[in-house]
Amino acid sequence: MRNIIAHHSRVWNRNMVKRITLPKNTRNLWLEPITISMQESIQVETGQQMTVGIGEPRRTLAQIGESYREALTALDVGQESHPKQTLFQYRRLIVERFLKEVPSPLRERYHQTMFAKRYARLFTEEMLDTIDMFFACSLNLSEASRQLYIHRNTLVYRLDKFQNATGLDLRVFDDAVALKLLRMMSESELPIKKPKRGK
């Protein structure tokens, strides 16, 4: 199986392409650690941070172009949706690719159901960081509070505050998914205000 990996250097503003051939019956799970190792080696040798997009595996050279286009799509969609990350696999960006195909006016309409001006005071930088970490920890209260370096009760207080203001309980999977999708529709337009001291 062959995968196309497209690299982008933020400093050089240059795209590069590399083909990786995996032995037969090798699971695609090996791609990520191989790519991370490659990123680290390039950074050590050149001092440059590489952003990587990975296309789906193909079995013939004639299909390599498809994997290349997927790798470029992964870079494009991944950098827009997850600007802090540097490694994007096409197959893991299903929701992001879907949302990118939704017409902008429709995305904005749904986005505004949650991120309208009336909620501006709620969505402080502190609250958004809390929500992001809670999601990153798979809605696990104990792990999220540990990663945020706050008491578990403080996290519960913030989630309760969010629920009282919006009606969404982020400890409930369906509510968490709803907010996640709404945020992904237009993250660059979130109304962020600096948090006040205390909870």
C-alpha atoms as a PDB file:
ATOM      1  CA  MET A   1       0.000   0.000   0.000  1.00  0.00           C
ATOM      2  CA  ARG A   2       1.195   3.501  -0.752  1.00  0.00           C
ATOM      3  CA  ASN A   3       0.245   6.731   0.975  1.00  0.00           C
ATOM      4  CA  ILE A   4       0.973  10.240  -0.175  1.00  0.00           C
ATOM      5  CA  ILE A   5       2.127  12.626   2.515  1.00  0.00           C
ATOM      6  CA  ALA A   6       2.129  16.315   1.656  1.00  0.00           C
ATOM      7  CA  HIS A   7       4.344  18.589   3.738  1.00  0.00           C
ATOM      8  CA  HIS A   8       4.062  22.322   4.182  1.00  0.00           C
ATOM      9  CA  SER A   9       6.799  24.470   5.680  1.00  0.00           C
ATOM     10  CA  ARG A  10       5.333  27.547   7.361  1.00  0.00           C
ATOM     11  CA  VAL A  11       8.693  29.313   7.243  1.00  0.00           C
ATOM     12  CA  TRP A  12       9.584  28.533   3.648  1.00  0.00           C
ATOM     13  CA  ASN A  13       5.925  28.604   2.506  1.00  0.00           C
ATOM     14  CA  ARG A  14       6.709  25.652   0.285  1.00  0.00           C
ATOM     15  CA  ASN A  15       4.858  22.399  -0.383  1.00  0.00           C
ATOM     16  CA  MET A  16       6.667  19.088  -0.707  1.00  0.00           C
ATOM     17  CA  VAL A  17       5.388  15.612  -1.401  1.00  0.00           C
ATOM     18  CA  LYS A  18       6.677  12.270  -0.187  1.00  0.00           C
ATOM     19  CA  ARG A  19       5.420   8.780  -1.018  1.00  0.00           C
ATOM     20  CA  ILE A  20       5.561   6.157   1.711  1.00  0.00           C
ATOM     21  CA  THR A  21       5.299   2.503   0.704  1.00  0.00           C
ATOM     22  CA  LEU A  22       4.182   0.142   3.439  1.00  0.00           C
ATOM     23  CA  PRO A  23       4.791  -3.619   3.375  1.00  0.00           C
ATOM     24  CA  LYS A  24       1.833  -5.786   2.456  1.00  0.00           C
ATOM     25  CA  ASN A  25      -0.686  -6.309   5.290  1.00  0.00           C
ATOM     26  CA  THR A  26       0.831  -3.442   7.292  1.00  0.00           C
ATOM     27  CA  ARG A  27      -1.858  -1.592   9.194  1.00  0.00           C
ATOM     28  CA  ASN A  28      -2.344   2.094   8.389  1.00  0.00           C
ATOM     29  CA  LEU A  29      -1.907   2.809  12.106  1.00  0.00           C
ATOM     30  CA  TRP A  30       1.847   2.818  11.557  1.00  0.00           C
ATOM     31  CA  LEU A  31       1.603   5.941   9.423  1.00  0.00           C
ATOM     32  CA  GLU A  32       1.182   8.391  12.280  1.00  0.00           C
ATOM     33  CA  PRO A  33       4.245   7.352  14.327  1.00  0.00           C
ATOM     34  CA  ILE A  34       6.326   7.166  11.131  1.00  0.00           C
ATOM     35  CA  THR A  35       5.221  10.653  10.137  1.00  0.00           C
ATOM     36  CA  ILE A  36       5.805  12.113  13.611  1.00  0.00           C
ATOM     37  CA  SER A  37       9.313  10.669  13.559  1.00  0.00           C
ATOM     38  CA  MET A  38       9.877  12.251  10.165  1.00  0.00           C
ATOM     39  CA  GLN A  39       8.583  15.618  11.431  1.00  0.00           C
ATOM     40  CA  GLU A  40      10.920  15.492  14.418  1.00  0.00           C
ATOM     41  CA  SER A  41      13.920  14.600  12.247  1.00  0.00           C
ATOM     42  CA  ILE A  42      13.232  17.484   9.858  1.00  0.00           C
ATOM     43  CA  GLN A  43      12.822  19.916  12.725  1.00  0.00           C
ATOM     44  CA  VAL A  44      16.111  18.813  14.315  1.00  0.00           C
ATOM     45  CA  GLU A  45      18.014  18.983  11.032  1.00  0.00           C
ATOM     46  CA  THR A  46      16.515  22.189   9.639  1.00  0.00           C
ATOM     47  CA  GLY A  47      14.907  23.989  12.568  1.00  0.00           C
ATOM     48  CA  GLN A  48      11.665  24.210  10.587  1.00  0.00           C
ATOM     49  CA  GLN A  49       8.223  23.055  11.749  1.00  0.00           C
ATOM     50  CA  MET A  50       6.545  20.909   9.114  1.00  0.00           C
ATOM     51  CA  THR A  51       2.777  20.593   8.776  1.00  0.00           C
ATOM     52  CA  VAL A  52       1.742  17.263   7.261  1.00  0.00           C
ATOM     53  CA  GLY A  53      -1.337  15.963   5.446  1.00  0.00           C
ATOM     54  CA  ILE A  54      -1.797  12.230   4.790  1.00  0.00           C
ATOM     55  CA  GLY A  55      -3.977  10.797   2.028  1.00  0.00           C
ATOM     56  CA  GLU A  56      -5.648   7.403   1.917  1.00  0.00           C
ATOM     57  CA  PRO A  57      -3.570   4.353   0.913  1.00  0.00           C
ATOM     58  CA  ARG A  58      -3.617   3.246  -2.722  1.00  0.00           C
ATOM     59  CA  ARG A  59      -2.421  -0.002  -4.239  1.00  0.00           C
ATOM     60  CA  THR A  60      -1.289   1.182  -7.664  1.00  0.00           C
ATOM     61  CA  LEU A  61       0.848   4.035  -8.932  1.00  0.00           C
ATOM     62  CA  ALA A  62      -2.019   5.092 -11.198  1.00  0.00           C
ATOM     63  CA  GLN A  63      -4.062   5.932  -8.087  1.00  0.00           C
ATOM     64  CA  ILE A  64      -1.362   7.969  -6.371  1.00  0.00           C
ATOM     65  CA  GLY A  65      -2.855  11.215  -7.668  1.00  0.00           C
ATOM     66  CA  GLU A  66      -6.000  10.581  -5.625  1.00  0.00           C
ATOM     67  CA  SER A  67      -3.973  10.127  -2.456  1.00  0.00           C
ATOM     68  CA  TYR A  68      -2.051  13.316  -3.231  1.00  0.00           C
ATOM     69  CA  ARG A  69      -5.269  15.331  -3.593  1.00  0.00           C
ATOM     70  CA  GLU A  70      -6.557  13.881  -0.325  1.00  0.00           C
ATOM     71  CA  ALA A  71      -3.311  14.845   1.427  1.00  0.00           C
ATOM     72  CA  LEU A  72      -3.666  18.433   0.194  1.00  0.00           C
ATOM     73  CA  THR A  73      -7.310  18.467   1.331  1.00  0.00           C
ATOM     74  CA  ALA A  74      -6.223  17.181   4.738  1.00  0.00           C
ATOM     75  CA  LEU A  75      -3.722  20.045   4.982  1.00  0.00           C
ATOM     76  CA  ASP A  76      -6.273  22.637   3.909  1.00  0.00           C
ATOM     77  CA  VAL A  77      -9.156  21.453   6.084  1.00  0.00           C
ATOM     78  CA  GLY A  78      -6.960  20.434   9.002  1.00  0.00           C
ATOM     79  CA  GLN A  79      -5.126  23.745   9.302  1.00  0.00           C
ATOM     80  CA  GLU A  80      -8.408  25.636   9.136  1.00  0.00           C
ATOM     81  CA  SER A  81     -10.175  23.450  11.705  1.00  0.00           C
ATOM     82  CA  HIS A  82      -7.262  22.660  14.046  1.00  0.00           C
ATOM     83  CA  PRO A  83      -4.659  25.438  13.678  1.00  0.00           C
ATOM     84  CA  LYS A  84      -2.600  24.234  16.647  1.00  0.00           C
ATOM     85  CA  GLN A  85      -1.994  20.787  15.136  1.00  0.00           C
ATOM     86  CA  THR A  86       0.627  19.862  12.553  1.00  0.00           C
ATOM     87  CA  LEU A  87      -0.434  16.358  11.446  1.00  0.00           C
ATOM     88  CA  PHE A  88      -3.676  15.667   9.594  1.00  0.00           C
ATOM     89  CA  GLN A  89      -5.015  12.388   8.223  1.00  0.00           C
ATOM     90  CA  TYR A  90      -7.679  12.618   5.539  1.00  0.00           C
ATOM     91  CA  ARG A  91      -9.667   9.734   7.031  1.00  0.00           C
ATOM     92  CA  ARG A  92      -9.869  11.415  10.439  1.00  0.00           C
ATOM     93  CA  LEU A  93     -11.334  14.666   9.103  1.00  0.00           C
ATOM     94  CA  ILE A  94     -14.739  13.327   8.098  1.00  0.00           C
ATOM     95  CA  VAL A  95     -16.794  15.852  10.068  1.00  0.00           C
ATOM     96  CA  GLU A  96     -14.502  18.740   9.142  1.00  0.00           C
ATOM     97  CA  ARG A  97     -14.694  17.875   5.431  1.00  0.00           C
ATOM     98  CA  PHE A  98     -18.470  17.593   5.654  1.00  0.00           C
ATOM     99  CA  LEU A  99     -18.842  20.980   7.326  1.00  0.00           C
ATOM    100  CA  LYS A 100     -16.580  22.603   4.745  1.00  0.00           C
ATOM    101  CA  GLU A 101     -19.050  21.560   2.052  1.00  0.00           C
ATOM    102  CA  VAL A 102     -21.992  23.162   3.882  1.00  0.00           C
ATOM    103  CA  PRO A 103     -22.772  26.574   2.300  1.00  0.00           C
ATOM    104  CA  SER A 104     -21.383  29.485   4.317  1.00  0.00           C
ATOM    105  CA  PRO A 105     -24.775  31.199   4.897  1.00  0.00           C
ATOM    106  CA  LEU A 106     -26.192  27.989   6.354  1.00  0.00           C
ATOM    107  CA  ARG A 107     -23.122  27.442   8.560  1.00  0.00           C
ATOM    108  CA  GLU A 108     -23.358  30.993   9.829  1.00  0.00           C
ATOM    109  CA  ARG A 109     -27.073  30.699  10.584  1.00  0.00           C
ATOM    110  CA  TYR A 110     -26.565  27.635  12.763  1.00  0.00           C
ATOM    111  CA  HIS A 111     -23.410  29.050  14.287  1.00  0.00           C
ATOM    112  CA  GLN A 112     -25.303  32.130  15.438  1.00  0.00           C
ATOM    113  CA  THR A 113     -27.861  30.031  17.328  1.00  0.00           C
ATOM    114  CA  MET A 114     -25.175  29.547  19.973  1.00  0.00           C
ATOM    115  CA  PHE A 115     -22.549  32.210  19.382  1.00  0.00           C
ATOM    116  CA  ALA A 116     -24.788  35.266  19.107  1.00  0.00           C
ATOM    117  CA  LYS A 117     -23.873  38.522  20.870  1.00  0.00           C
ATOM    118  CA  ARG A 118     -26.098  37.735  23.829  1.00  0.00           C
ATOM    119  CA  TYR A 119     -23.669  34.950  24.806  1.00  0.00           C
ATOM    120  CA  ALA A 120     -20.510  37.066  24.369  1.00  0.00           C
ATOM    121  CA  ARG A 121     -19.894  37.379  28.109  1.00  0.00           C
ATOM    122  CA  LEU A 122     -20.218  33.633  28.571  1.00  0.00           C
ATOM    123  CA  PHE A 123     -17.625  32.664  25.973  1.00  0.00           C
ATOM    124  CA  THR A 124     -14.558  34.048  27.681  1.00  0.00           C
ATOM    125  CA  GLU A 125     -11.151  32.689  26.801  1.00  0.00           C
ATOM    126  CA  GLU A 126     -11.229  30.799  30.104  1.00  0.00           C
ATOM    127  CA  MET A 127     -14.574  29.189  29.316  1.00  0.00           C
ATOM    128  CA  LEU A 128     -13.488  28.178  25.808  1.00  0.00           C
ATOM    129  CA  ASP A 129     -10.254  26.664  27.149  1.00  0.00           C
ATOM    130  CA  THR A 130     -12.290  24.767  29.724  1.00  0.00           C
ATOM    131  CA  ILE A 131     -14.685  23.421  27.105  1.00  0.00           C
ATOM    132  CA  ASP A 132     -11.871  22.448  24.743  1.00  0.00           C
ATOM    133  CA  MET A 133     -10.031  20.532  27.449  1.00  0.00           C
ATOM    134  CA  PHE A 134     -13.235  18.851  28.647  1.00  0.00           C
ATOM    135  CA  PHE A 135     -13.848  17.638  25.101  1.00  0.00           C
ATOM    136  CA  ALA A 136     -10.200  16.604  24.675  1.00  0.00           C
ATOM    137  CA  CYS A 137     -10.543  14.482  27.816  1.00  0.00           C
ATOM    138  CA  SER A 138     -13.639  12.725  26.410  1.00  0.00           C
ATOM    139  CA  LEU A 139     -15.985  14.464  28.885  1.00  0.00           C
ATOM    140  CA  ASN A 140     -14.054  13.041  31.834  1.00  0.00           C
ATOM    141  CA  LEU A 141     -14.398  15.509  34.718  1.00  0.00           C
ATOM    142  CA  SER A 142     -11.475  14.233  36.781  1.00  0.00           C
ATOM    143  CA  GLU A 143      -9.007  14.142  33.895  1.00  0.00           C
ATOM    144  CA  ALA A 144     -10.094  17.526  32.528  1.00  0.00           C
ATOM    145  CA  SER A 145      -9.753  19.231  35.913  1.00  0.00           C
ATOM    146  CA  ARG A 146      -6.301  17.662  36.319  1.00  0.00           C
ATOM    147  CA  GLN A 147      -5.189  18.905  32.897  1.00  0.00           C
ATOM    148  CA  LEU A 148      -6.572  22.381  33.629  1.00  0.00           C
ATOM    149  CA  TYR A 149      -4.908  22.462  37.068  1.00  0.00           C
ATOM    150  CA  ILE A 150      -8.188  23.335  38.761  1.00  0.00           C
ATOM    151  CA  HIS A 151     -10.321  21.650  41.410  1.00  0.00           C
ATOM    152  CA  ARG A 152     -12.996  19.289  40.112  1.00  0.00           C
ATOM    153  CA  ASN A 153     -15.679  21.432  41.752  1.00  0.00           C
ATOM    154  CA  THR A 154     -14.422  24.465  39.816  1.00  0.00           C
ATOM    155  CA  LEU A 155     -14.902  22.578  36.566  1.00  0.00           C
ATOM    156  CA  VAL A 156     -18.384  21.499  37.641  1.00  0.00           C
ATOM    157  CA  TYR A 157     -19.177  25.139  38.490  1.00  0.00           C
ATOM    158  CA  ARG A 158     -18.136  26.287  35.012  1.00  0.00           C
ATOM    159  CA  LEU A 159     -20.139  23.559  33.288  1.00  0.00           C
ATOM    160  CA  ASP A 160     -23.181  24.384  35.423  1.00  0.00           C
ATOM    161  CA  LYS A 161     -22.761  28.060  34.529  1.00  0.00           C
ATOM    162  CA  PHE A 162     -22.686  27.137  30.834  1.00  0.00           C
ATOM    163  CA  GLN A 163     -25.776  24.932  31.201  1.00  0.00           C
ATOM    164  CA  ASN A 164     -27.743  27.632  33.012  1.00  0.00           C
ATOM    165  CA  ALA A 165     -26.955  30.151  30.278  1.00  0.00           C
ATOM    166  CA  THR A 166     -27.484  27.981  27.195  1.00  0.00           C
ATOM    167  CA  GLY A 167     -29.539  24.960  28.245  1.00  0.00           C
ATOM    168  CA  LEU A 168     -26.778  22.601  27.054  1.00  0.00           C
ATOM    169  CA  ASP A 169     -25.254  20.193  29.577  1.00  0.00           C
ATOM    170  CA  LEU A 170     -21.838  19.382  28.153  1.00  0.00           C
ATOM    171  CA  ARG A 171     -21.610  16.301  30.375  1.00  0.00           C
ATOM    172  CA  VAL A 172     -24.314  14.804  28.134  1.00  0.00           C
ATOM    173  CA  PHE A 173     -22.871  13.394  24.906  1.00  0.00           C
ATOM    174  CA  ASP A 174     -25.588  14.745  22.573  1.00  0.00           C
ATOM    175  CA  ASP A 175     -25.267  18.274  23.979  1.00  0.00           C
ATOM    176  CA  ALA A 176     -21.475  18.126  23.741  1.00  0.00           C
ATOM    177  CA  VAL A 177     -21.660  17.012  20.095  1.00  0.00           C
ATOM    178  CA  ALA A 178     -24.115  19.817  19.295  1.00  0.00           C
ATOM    179  CA  LEU A 179     -21.784  22.482  20.697  1.00  0.00           C
ATOM    180  CA  LYS A 180     -18.734  20.931  19.047  1.00  0.00           C
ATOM    181  CA  LEU A 181     -20.392  21.039  15.637  1.00  0.00           C
ATOM    182  CA  LEU A 182     -21.600  24.608  16.113  1.00  0.00           C
ATOM    183  CA  ARG A 183     -18.093  25.728  17.078  1.00  0.00           C
ATOM    184  CA  MET A 184     -16.549  23.989  14.094  1.00  0.00           C
ATOM    185  CA  MET A 185     -18.892  25.799  11.732  1.00  0.00           C
ATOM    186  CA  SER A 186     -17.158  29.129  12.214  1.00  0.00           C
ATOM    187  CA  GLU A 187     -14.498  29.088  14.922  1.00  0.00           C
ATOM    188  CA  SER A 188     -12.778  32.196  13.633  1.00  0.00           C
ATOM    189  CA  GLU A 189     -15.818  34.314  14.494  1.00  0.00           C
ATOM    190  CA  LEU A 190     -16.204  33.350  18.154  1.00  0.00           C
ATOM    191  CA  PRO A 191     -16.884  36.333  20.427  1.00  0.00           C
ATOM    192  CA  ILE A 192     -14.037  36.071  22.962  1.00  0.00           C
ATOM    193  CA  LYS A 193     -13.682  38.327  25.982  1.00  0.00           C
ATOM    194  CA  LYS A 194     -10.996  38.240  28.656  1.00  0.00           C
ATOM    195  CA  PRO A 195     -12.113  36.417  31.836  1.00  0.00           C
ATOM    196  CA  LYS A 196     -12.572  38.205  35.138  1.00  0.00           C
ATOM    197  CA  ARG A 197     -10.726  37.064  38.222  1.00  0.00           C
ATOM    198  CA  GLY A 198     -12.087  34.109  40.145  1.00  0.00           C
ATOM    199  CA  LYS A 199     -14.497  31.512  38.823  1.00  0.00           C
END
